[in-house]
Amino acid sequence: MCQAARELLGLTQLEFSKLSDVSKKTINDYENQKVEPRGRVVRALREALENRGARFYRSGEAIGVLVSRTQAKHDGVGAGP
C-alpha cells in the first residue's frame, strides 16, 4: 500500500525518504517485502504520505489508497493534457 501511495503521489523513493526521514534502503526493503517496519517508521511513512494527500481506507478485507486529483495536480502528478 505504501508503494502504491508513493507512486500515485509521484514521489521517488529518495524524495519519500527525505519527506519521511526514513532511509531510502528501509523504504526499498519494505516495498520489496524484505522487512516489515514498526512503530516510528510506520508512523513516519504514513504521515509523510497523508501530508501529501494520500488517504488510506479499509472496508472488510479490502484496503486501498486514494489521492485527490487536486492534490496530485498541485504536486505535478497527472498534469497531462
Protein backbone atom coordinates (compact mmCIF):
# COMPACT_ATOMS: atom_id res chain seq x y z
CA MET A 1 0.00 0.00 0.00
CA CYS A 2 2.88 2.33 0.80
CA GLN A 3 4.43 1.93 -2.65
CA ALA A 4 1.08 2.49 -4.38
CA ALA A 5 0.52 5.72 -2.44
CA ARG A 6 4.07 6.90 -3.12
CA GLU A 7 3.70 6.24 -6.84
CA LEU A 8 0.26 7.88 -7.02
CA LEU A 9 1.82 10.96 -5.45
CA GLY A 10 4.63 10.87 -8.00
CA LEU A 11 7.37 10.52 -5.38
CA THR A 12 10.63 8.69 -5.90
CA GLN A 13 11.98 6.59 -3.06
CA LEU A 14 14.62 9.26 -2.46
CA GLU A 15 12.01 12.04 -2.25
CA PHE A 16 9.87 9.90 0.04
CA SER A 17 12.91 9.20 2.19
CA LYS A 18 13.55 12.91 2.65
CA LEU A 19 9.89 13.65 3.44
CA SER A 20 9.58 10.84 5.97
CA ASP A 21 13.08 10.92 7.48
CA VAL A 22 13.31 7.17 6.84
CA SER A 23 16.28 5.78 4.93
CA LYS A 24 15.85 5.00 1.23
CA LYS A 25 17.17 1.49 1.96
CA THR A 26 14.42 0.88 4.53
CA ILE A 27 11.78 2.12 2.08
CA ASN A 28 13.20 -0.05 -0.70
CA ASP A 29 13.40 -3.10 1.58
CA TYR A 30 9.80 -2.55 2.73
CA GLU A 31 8.49 -2.14 -0.82
CA ASN A 32 10.31 -5.34 -1.82
CA GLN A 33 8.92 -7.20 1.22
CA LYS A 34 12.33 -7.73 2.80
CA VAL A 35 11.39 -6.01 6.07
CA GLU A 36 8.20 -5.13 7.94
CA PRO A 37 8.70 -1.75 9.63
CA ARG A 38 7.15 -0.98 13.01
CA GLY A 39 6.49 1.87 15.38
CA ARG A 40 8.16 5.16 14.49
CA VAL A 41 8.97 4.11 10.93
CA VAL A 42 5.36 3.15 10.12
CA ARG A 43 4.10 6.42 11.60
CA ALA A 44 6.68 8.46 9.70
CA LEU A 45 5.85 6.79 6.38
CA ARG A 46 2.12 7.14 6.83
CA GLU A 47 2.30 10.76 7.99
CA ALA A 48 4.54 11.74 5.07
CA LEU A 49 2.07 10.22 2.58
CA GLU A 50 -1.00 11.65 4.30
CA ASN A 51 0.60 15.09 4.47
CA ARG A 52 0.93 14.93 0.68
CA GLY A 53 -2.75 13.99 0.25
CA ALA A 54 -2.90 10.18 0.39
CA ARG A 55 -5.84 8.67 2.25
CA PHE A 56 -5.91 5.04 3.33
CA TYR A 57 -9.14 3.05 3.54
CA ARG A 58 -10.22 -0.35 4.80
CA SER A 59 -13.57 -1.97 4.12
CA GLY A 60 -13.92 -5.55 5.26
CA GLU A 61 -11.00 -7.38 3.71
CA ALA A 62 -10.35 -4.71 1.07
CA ILE A 63 -7.77 -2.00 1.60
CA GLY A 64 -6.98 0.92 -0.64
CA VAL A 65 -5.40 4.32 -1.06
CA LEU A 66 -6.77 7.42 -2.71
CA VAL A 67 -5.03 10.61 -3.75
CA SER A 68 -7.14 13.62 -4.55
CA ARG A 69 -6.77 14.77 -8.16
CA THR A 70 -6.46 18.34 -6.89
CA GLN A 71 -3.56 17.40 -4.62
CA ALA A 72 -1.89 15.31 -7.33
CA LYS A 73 -2.13 18.15 -9.88
CA HIS A 74 -0.82 20.62 -7.31
CA ASP A 75 2.18 18.35 -6.76
CA GLY A 76 2.74 17.92 -10.51
CA VAL A 77 1.27 14.42 -10.82
CA GLY A 78 -1.13 13.69 -13.62
CA ALA A 79 -0.79 17.17 -15.06
CA GLY A 80 -1.10 15.89 -18.60
CA PRO A 81 -3.27 17.38 -21.37
